[in-house]
Amino acid sequence: MNTHTRVVIVDDHPMVAEGIQAILESYDDIEVLCALSNGREAVDRMAELNPDVILMDLNMPEIGGLTATEMLLEANPATRILILSMHDSPEYISTALSHGALGYILKDVPTEEIKTAIDTVMRGERYLCTGAKGSLEPPSDSSREQLTSREQTVLLQLAQGKSNKEVASELNISVRTVETHRKNIKRKLGISSTAGLTRYALEHGVLQGTSLDL
């Protein structure tokens, strides 16, 4: 019985891919099948390679990591995909997970953490490196400002795709007041885009019971 974990690396930076490959090949129970340079190659060759785990970069030419992840999982839902990225923003991480990735690790993690991540997803469990976990799950204690009830109401309206003007009309407040609420919500949640606000609302049950075509 083959106990090796078969890994494919997908990254358009040869030095990064070669470095990770050298690290992983130092482990007796890991076999690196190959390193590919973009998502298109990954999609085209995955049936032939049939890896246990794919280490996937996000920003690549032709087909990026998120699209490739979706396509690979559509073809084979059992594929274990670990995103390997330099981006530690909550939006990158939550988007990768929502696309079906089983884990997210930053490129500057210690060598042994990549191995830990692979072992974890092989067990069917999600893995977030410390930096990603801290970014995705900010402290919920008193050091983090909570949204006021009015801000939560505004967030719900914005997450449903309404403009500042529409929210103002709905809540009978001025557009300027909506803009102020919007700015405060983004600051408190550490989110920079409207798409990020919508994702936050979905993940935290703010949109429960509403029907959105996202």
C-alpha atoms as a PDB file:
ATOM      1  CA  MET A   1       0.000   0.000   0.000  1.00  0.00           C
ATOM      2  CA  ASN A   2       1.360   3.414  -0.992  1.00  0.00           C
ATOM      3  CA  THR A   3       1.434   5.665   2.061  1.00  0.00           C
ATOM      4  CA  HIS A   4       2.938   8.620   0.243  1.00  0.00           C
ATOM      5  CA  THR A   5       0.925  11.839  -0.022  1.00  0.00           C
ATOM      6  CA  ARG A   6       1.020  12.870  -3.667  1.00  0.00           C
ATOM      7  CA  VAL A   7       1.381  16.643  -4.028  1.00  0.00           C
ATOM      8  CA  VAL A   8       1.215  19.028  -6.987  1.00  0.00           C
ATOM      9  CA  ILE A   9       2.477  22.614  -6.644  1.00  0.00           C
ATOM     10  CA  VAL A  10       0.850  25.317  -8.793  1.00  0.00           C
ATOM     11  CA  ASP A  11       2.738  28.622  -8.713  1.00  0.00           C
ATOM     12  CA  ASP A  12       3.940  30.931 -11.479  1.00  0.00           C
ATOM     13  CA  HIS A  13       7.125  31.882  -9.573  1.00  0.00           C
ATOM     14  CA  PRO A  14       9.711  29.150 -10.343  1.00  0.00           C
ATOM     15  CA  MET A  15      11.901  29.992  -7.356  1.00  0.00           C
ATOM     16  CA  VAL A  16       8.966  29.730  -4.966  1.00  0.00           C
ATOM     17  CA  ALA A  17       7.774  26.462  -6.487  1.00  0.00           C
ATOM     18  CA  GLU A  18      11.269  24.959  -6.487  1.00  0.00           C
ATOM     19  CA  GLY A  19      11.839  26.025  -2.885  1.00  0.00           C
ATOM     20  CA  ILE A  20       8.606  24.436  -1.693  1.00  0.00           C
ATOM     21  CA  GLN A  21       9.321  21.303  -3.720  1.00  0.00           C
ATOM     22  CA  ALA A  22      12.766  20.956  -2.133  1.00  0.00           C
ATOM     23  CA  ILE A  23      11.230  21.368   1.336  1.00  0.00           C
ATOM     24  CA  LEU A  24       8.517  18.783   0.762  1.00  0.00           C
ATOM     25  CA  GLU A  25      10.831  16.243  -0.850  1.00  0.00           C
ATOM     26  CA  SER A  26      12.800  16.121   2.394  1.00  0.00           C
ATOM     27  CA  TYR A  27       9.852  14.250   3.959  1.00  0.00           C
ATOM     28  CA  ASP A  28       9.740  10.487   3.400  1.00  0.00           C
ATOM     29  CA  ASP A  29       5.946  10.353   3.245  1.00  0.00           C
ATOM     30  CA  ILE A  30       5.468  13.066   0.588  1.00  0.00           C
ATOM     31  CA  GLU A  31       5.906  12.677  -3.155  1.00  0.00           C
ATOM     32  CA  VAL A  32       5.903  15.869  -5.220  1.00  0.00           C
ATOM     33  CA  LEU A  33       4.539  14.883  -8.609  1.00  0.00           C
ATOM     34  CA  CYS A  34       5.399  18.156 -10.354  1.00  0.00           C
ATOM     35  CA  ALA A  35       5.282  21.941 -10.196  1.00  0.00           C
ATOM     36  CA  LEU A  36       2.948  23.720 -12.637  1.00  0.00           C
ATOM     37  CA  SER A  37       3.020  27.408 -13.516  1.00  0.00           C
ATOM     38  CA  ASN A  38      -0.673  28.331 -13.842  1.00  0.00           C
ATOM     39  CA  GLY A  39      -4.230  27.223 -13.244  1.00  0.00           C
ATOM     40  CA  ARG A  40      -4.744  26.179 -16.867  1.00  0.00           C
ATOM     41  CA  GLU A  41      -1.983  23.561 -16.581  1.00  0.00           C
ATOM     42  CA  ALA A  42      -3.485  22.354 -13.306  1.00  0.00           C
ATOM     43  CA  VAL A  43      -6.949  21.901 -14.835  1.00  0.00           C
ATOM     44  CA  ASP A  44      -5.576  20.237 -17.975  1.00  0.00           C
ATOM     45  CA  ARG A  45      -3.306  17.767 -16.164  1.00  0.00           C
ATOM     46  CA  MET A  46      -5.173  16.947 -12.978  1.00  0.00           C
ATOM     47  CA  ALA A  47      -6.888  13.786 -14.256  1.00  0.00           C
ATOM     48  CA  GLU A  48      -3.514  12.463 -15.419  1.00  0.00           C
ATOM     49  CA  LEU A  49      -1.651  13.408 -12.213  1.00  0.00           C
ATOM     50  CA  ASN A  50      -4.405  12.556  -9.697  1.00  0.00           C
ATOM     51  CA  PRO A  51      -2.698  14.181  -6.664  1.00  0.00           C
ATOM     52  CA  ASP A  52      -3.894  13.920  -3.068  1.00  0.00           C
ATOM     53  CA  VAL A  53      -3.183  17.589  -2.341  1.00  0.00           C
ATOM     54  CA  ILE A  54      -2.731  20.644  -4.547  1.00  0.00           C
ATOM     55  CA  LEU A  55      -0.778  23.650  -3.278  1.00  0.00           C
ATOM     56  CA  MET A  56      -2.325  26.515  -5.232  1.00  0.00           C
ATOM     57  CA  ASP A  57      -1.114  30.097  -5.644  1.00  0.00           C
ATOM     58  CA  LEU A  58      -3.825  32.747  -6.122  1.00  0.00           C
ATOM     59  CA  ASN A  59      -2.514  35.239  -8.681  1.00  0.00           C
ATOM     60  CA  MET A  60      -1.373  33.460 -11.839  1.00  0.00           C
ATOM     61  CA  PRO A  61      -1.629  34.022 -15.606  1.00  0.00           C
ATOM     62  CA  GLU A  62      -4.236  32.343 -17.853  1.00  0.00           C
ATOM     63  CA  ILE A  63      -6.345  30.890 -15.011  1.00  0.00           C
ATOM     64  CA  GLY A  64      -5.923  32.176 -11.467  1.00  0.00           C
ATOM     65  CA  GLY A  65      -6.041  30.085  -8.319  1.00  0.00           C
ATOM     66  CA  LEU A  66      -9.668  30.770  -7.398  1.00  0.00           C
ATOM     67  CA  THR A  67     -11.067  29.886 -10.819  1.00  0.00           C
ATOM     68  CA  ALA A  68      -8.808  26.838 -11.044  1.00  0.00           C
ATOM     69  CA  THR A  69      -9.990  25.719  -7.591  1.00  0.00           C
ATOM     70  CA  GLU A  70     -13.622  25.943  -8.693  1.00  0.00           C
ATOM     71  CA  MET A  71     -12.952  24.040 -11.928  1.00  0.00           C
ATOM     72  CA  LEU A  72     -10.929  21.314 -10.233  1.00  0.00           C
ATOM     73  CA  LEU A  73     -13.531  20.768  -7.525  1.00  0.00           C
ATOM     74  CA  GLU A  74     -16.303  20.656 -10.109  1.00  0.00           C
ATOM     75  CA  ALA A  75     -14.425  17.857 -11.882  1.00  0.00           C
ATOM     76  CA  ASN A  76     -13.434  16.091  -8.661  1.00  0.00           C
ATOM     77  CA  PRO A  77     -15.094  17.279  -5.428  1.00  0.00           C
ATOM     78  CA  ALA A  78     -12.710  15.166  -3.332  1.00  0.00           C
ATOM     79  CA  THR A  79      -9.667  17.218  -4.405  1.00  0.00           C
ATOM     80  CA  ARG A  80      -7.881  18.751  -1.428  1.00  0.00           C
ATOM     81  CA  ILE A  81      -6.696  22.245  -2.311  1.00  0.00           C
ATOM     82  CA  LEU A  82      -4.427  24.303  -0.078  1.00  0.00           C
ATOM     83  CA  ILE A  83      -4.065  27.951  -1.068  1.00  0.00           C
ATOM     84  CA  LEU A  84      -0.482  29.132  -0.711  1.00  0.00           C
ATOM     85  CA  SER A  85      -0.406  32.922  -0.887  1.00  0.00           C
ATOM     86  CA  MET A  86       1.345  36.092   0.217  1.00  0.00           C
ATOM     87  CA  HIS A  87      -2.017  37.812   0.843  1.00  0.00           C
ATOM     88  CA  ASP A  88      -3.241  37.781   4.449  1.00  0.00           C
ATOM     89  CA  SER A  89      -6.327  40.001   4.129  1.00  0.00           C
ATOM     90  CA  PRO A  90      -9.619  38.532   5.427  1.00  0.00           C
ATOM     91  CA  GLU A  91     -11.229  39.010   2.018  1.00  0.00           C
ATOM     92  CA  TYR A  92      -8.642  36.890   0.205  1.00  0.00           C
ATOM     93  CA  ILE A  93      -8.854  34.148   2.818  1.00  0.00           C
ATOM     94  CA  SER A  94     -12.637  33.967   3.128  1.00  0.00           C
ATOM     95  CA  THR A  95     -13.022  34.090  -0.672  1.00  0.00           C
ATOM     96  CA  ALA A  96     -10.584  31.205  -1.104  1.00  0.00           C
ATOM     97  CA  LEU A  97     -12.447  29.117   1.463  1.00  0.00           C
ATOM     98  CA  SER A  98     -15.816  29.974  -0.092  1.00  0.00           C
ATOM     99  CA  HIS A  99     -14.477  28.711  -3.441  1.00  0.00           C
ATOM    100  CA  GLY A 100     -13.855  25.313  -1.846  1.00  0.00           C
ATOM    101  CA  ALA A 101     -10.222  25.448  -0.720  1.00  0.00           C
ATOM    102  CA  LEU A 102      -9.647  23.285   2.345  1.00  0.00           C
ATOM    103  CA  GLY A 103      -6.846  25.421   3.731  1.00  0.00           C
ATOM    104  CA  TYR A 104      -4.904  28.663   3.471  1.00  0.00           C
ATOM    105  CA  ILE A 105      -1.252  29.178   4.304  1.00  0.00           C
ATOM    106  CA  LEU A 106       0.969  32.195   3.846  1.00  0.00           C
ATOM    107  CA  LYS A 107       4.181  31.872   1.863  1.00  0.00           C
ATOM    108  CA  ASP A 108       6.308  33.061   4.768  1.00  0.00           C
ATOM    109  CA  VAL A 109       5.251  30.276   7.160  1.00  0.00           C
ATOM    110  CA  PRO A 110       7.958  28.028   8.684  1.00  0.00           C
ATOM    111  CA  THR A 111       8.841  24.949   6.648  1.00  0.00           C
ATOM    112  CA  GLU A 112       7.213  22.488   9.026  1.00  0.00           C
ATOM    113  CA  GLU A 113       3.893  24.327   8.865  1.00  0.00           C
ATOM    114  CA  ILE A 114       3.458  23.467   5.189  1.00  0.00           C
ATOM    115  CA  LYS A 115       3.844  19.803   6.127  1.00  0.00           C
ATOM    116  CA  THR A 116       1.361  20.220   9.001  1.00  0.00           C
ATOM    117  CA  ALA A 117      -1.123  21.834   6.618  1.00  0.00           C
ATOM    118  CA  ILE A 118      -0.841  18.950   4.154  1.00  0.00           C
ATOM    119  CA  ASP A 119      -1.293  16.355   6.911  1.00  0.00           C
ATOM    120  CA  THR A 120      -4.343  18.254   8.221  1.00  0.00           C
ATOM    121  CA  VAL A 121      -6.183  18.474   4.900  1.00  0.00           C
ATOM    122  CA  MET A 122      -5.347  14.820   4.234  1.00  0.00           C
ATOM    123  CA  ARG A 123      -7.474  14.071   7.301  1.00  0.00           C
ATOM    124  CA  GLY A 124     -10.293  16.045   5.684  1.00  0.00           C
ATOM    125  CA  GLU A 125      -9.912  18.935   8.132  1.00  0.00           C
ATOM    126  CA  ARG A 126      -9.591  22.643   7.331  1.00  0.00           C
ATOM    127  CA  TYR A 127      -6.227  24.282   7.974  1.00  0.00           C
ATOM    128  CA  LEU A 128      -5.489  27.977   8.426  1.00  0.00           C
ATOM    129  CA  CYS A 129      -1.976  29.069   9.299  1.00  0.00           C
ATOM    130  CA  THR A 130      -1.638  31.305  12.335  1.00  0.00           C
ATOM    131  CA  GLY A 131      -1.363  34.500  10.288  1.00  0.00           C
ATOM    132  CA  ALA A 132      -4.397  33.634   8.175  1.00  0.00           C
ATOM    133  CA  LYS A 133      -6.455  32.543  11.179  1.00  0.00           C
ATOM    134  CA  GLY A 134      -5.703  35.753  13.030  1.00  0.00           C
ATOM    135  CA  SER A 135      -6.602  37.797   9.980  1.00  0.00           C
ATOM    136  CA  LEU A 136      -9.838  35.942   9.280  1.00  0.00           C
ATOM    137  CA  GLU A 137     -11.007  35.719  12.862  1.00  0.00           C
ATOM    138  CA  PRO A 138     -10.289  39.013  14.605  1.00  0.00           C
ATOM    139  CA  PRO A 139     -10.571  39.102  18.408  1.00  0.00           C
ATOM    140  CA  SER A 140     -14.157  39.048  19.600  1.00  0.00           C
ATOM    141  CA  ASP A 141     -13.371  40.509  23.009  1.00  0.00           C
ATOM    142  CA  SER A 142     -13.916  44.064  24.189  1.00  0.00           C
ATOM    143  CA  SER A 143     -10.832  45.283  22.292  1.00  0.00           C
ATOM    144  CA  ARG A 144     -12.852  45.052  19.084  1.00  0.00           C
ATOM    145  CA  GLU A 145     -15.553  47.634  18.587  1.00  0.00           C
ATOM    146  CA  GLN A 146     -19.019  46.144  18.150  1.00  0.00           C
ATOM    147  CA  LEU A 147     -21.471  47.390  15.536  1.00  0.00           C
ATOM    148  CA  THR A 148     -24.333  49.463  16.891  1.00  0.00           C
ATOM    149  CA  SER A 149     -27.873  48.289  16.113  1.00  0.00           C
ATOM    150  CA  ARG A 150     -28.172  51.102  13.538  1.00  0.00           C
ATOM    151  CA  GLU A 151     -24.897  50.037  11.892  1.00  0.00           C
ATOM    152  CA  GLN A 152     -26.154  46.446  11.734  1.00  0.00           C
ATOM    153  CA  THR A 153     -29.317  47.682  10.022  1.00  0.00           C
ATOM    154  CA  VAL A 154     -27.274  49.694   7.510  1.00  0.00           C
ATOM    155  CA  LEU A 155     -25.000  46.685   6.925  1.00  0.00           C
ATOM    156  CA  LEU A 156     -28.017  44.526   6.123  1.00  0.00           C
ATOM    157  CA  GLN A 157     -29.268  47.086   3.601  1.00  0.00           C
ATOM    158  CA  LEU A 158     -25.861  47.483   1.951  1.00  0.00           C
ATOM    159  CA  ALA A 159     -25.325  43.725   1.821  1.00  0.00           C
ATOM    160  CA  GLN A 160     -28.593  43.390  -0.087  1.00  0.00           C
ATOM    161  CA  GLY A 161     -27.029  45.501  -2.816  1.00  0.00           C
ATOM    162  CA  LYS A 162     -28.737  48.806  -2.057  1.00  0.00           C
ATOM    163  CA  SER A 163     -27.027  52.094  -2.822  1.00  0.00           C
ATOM    164  CA  ASN A 164     -26.353  54.758  -0.189  1.00  0.00           C
ATOM    165  CA  LYS A 165     -29.305  56.719  -1.575  1.00  0.00           C
ATOM    166  CA  GLU A 166     -31.649  53.718  -1.379  1.00  0.00           C
ATOM    167  CA  VAL A 167     -30.542  52.952   2.195  1.00  0.00           C
ATOM    168  CA  ALA A 168     -31.097  56.577   3.169  1.00  0.00           C
ATOM    169  CA  SER A 169     -34.616  56.478   1.724  1.00  0.00           C
ATOM    170  CA  GLU A 170     -35.401  53.131   3.370  1.00  0.00           C
ATOM    171  CA  LEU A 171     -34.230  54.244   6.832  1.00  0.00           C
ATOM    172  CA  ASN A 172     -35.369  57.864   6.482  1.00  0.00           C
ATOM    173  CA  ILE A 173     -31.892  59.271   7.103  1.00  0.00           C
ATOM    174  CA  SER A 174     -29.572  61.423   5.004  1.00  0.00           C
ATOM    175  CA  VAL A 175     -27.155  60.005   2.428  1.00  0.00           C
ATOM    176  CA  ARG A 176     -24.312  61.589   4.370  1.00  0.00           C
ATOM    177  CA  THR A 177     -25.378  59.690   7.501  1.00  0.00           C
ATOM    178  CA  VAL A 178     -25.384  56.435   5.521  1.00  0.00           C
ATOM    179  CA  GLU A 179     -21.882  57.215   4.242  1.00  0.00           C
ATOM    180  CA  THR A 180     -20.710  57.814   7.814  1.00  0.00           C
ATOM    181  CA  HIS A 181     -22.237  54.532   8.989  1.00  0.00           C
ATOM    182  CA  ARG A 182     -20.681  52.736   6.032  1.00  0.00           C
ATOM    183  CA  LYS A 183     -17.239  54.137   6.837  1.00  0.00           C
ATOM    184  CA  ASN A 184     -17.557  53.164  10.512  1.00  0.00           C
ATOM    185  CA  ILE A 185     -18.741  49.640   9.659  1.00  0.00           C
ATOM    186  CA  LYS A 186     -15.765  49.070   7.350  1.00  0.00           C
ATOM    187  CA  ARG A 187     -13.349  50.420   9.962  1.00  0.00           C
ATOM    188  CA  LYS A 188     -14.765  48.277  12.776  1.00  0.00           C
ATOM    189  CA  LEU A 189     -14.834  45.098  10.697  1.00  0.00           C
ATOM    190  CA  GLY A 190     -11.524  45.726   8.947  1.00  0.00           C
ATOM    191  CA  ILE A 191     -13.195  45.340   5.544  1.00  0.00           C
ATOM    192  CA  SER A 192     -12.388  47.596   2.607  1.00  0.00           C
ATOM    193  CA  SER A 193     -14.986  46.728  -0.049  1.00  0.00           C
ATOM    194  CA  THR A 194     -18.732  46.364  -0.428  1.00  0.00           C
ATOM    195  CA  ALA A 195     -18.224  42.773  -1.596  1.00  0.00           C
ATOM    196  CA  GLY A 196     -16.367  42.164   1.650  1.00  0.00           C
ATOM    197  CA  LEU A 197     -19.279  43.575   3.641  1.00  0.00           C
ATOM    198  CA  THR A 198     -21.702  41.286   1.808  1.00  0.00           C
ATOM    199  CA  ARG A 199     -19.487  38.270   2.498  1.00  0.00           C
ATOM    200  CA  TYR A 200     -19.245  39.221   6.172  1.00  0.00           C
ATOM    201  CA  ALA A 201     -23.032  39.578   6.364  1.00  0.00           C
ATOM    202  CA  LEU A 202     -23.507  36.131   4.831  1.00  0.00           C
ATOM    203  CA  GLU A 203     -20.948  34.438   7.060  1.00  0.00           C
ATOM    204  CA  HIS A 204     -22.296  36.007  10.254  1.00  0.00           C
ATOM    205  CA  GLY A 205     -25.984  35.363   9.629  1.00  0.00           C
ATOM    206  CA  VAL A 206     -26.871  39.019   9.029  1.00  0.00           C
ATOM    207  CA  LEU A 207     -28.591  38.040   5.792  1.00  0.00           C
ATOM    208  CA  GLN A 208     -30.404  35.027   7.245  1.00  0.00           C
ATOM    209  CA  GLY A 209     -33.815  34.698   5.754  1.00  0.00           C
ATOM    210  CA  THR A 210     -33.098  37.005   2.823  1.00  0.00           C
ATOM    211  CA  SER A 211     -32.709  35.749  -0.703  1.00  0.00           C
ATOM    212  CA  LEU A 212     -29.641  36.950  -2.565  1.00  0.00           C
ATOM    213  CA  ASP A 213     -28.323  36.000  -5.974  1.00  0.00           C
ATOM    214  CA  LEU A 214     -24.606  36.309  -5.325  1.00  0.00           C
END
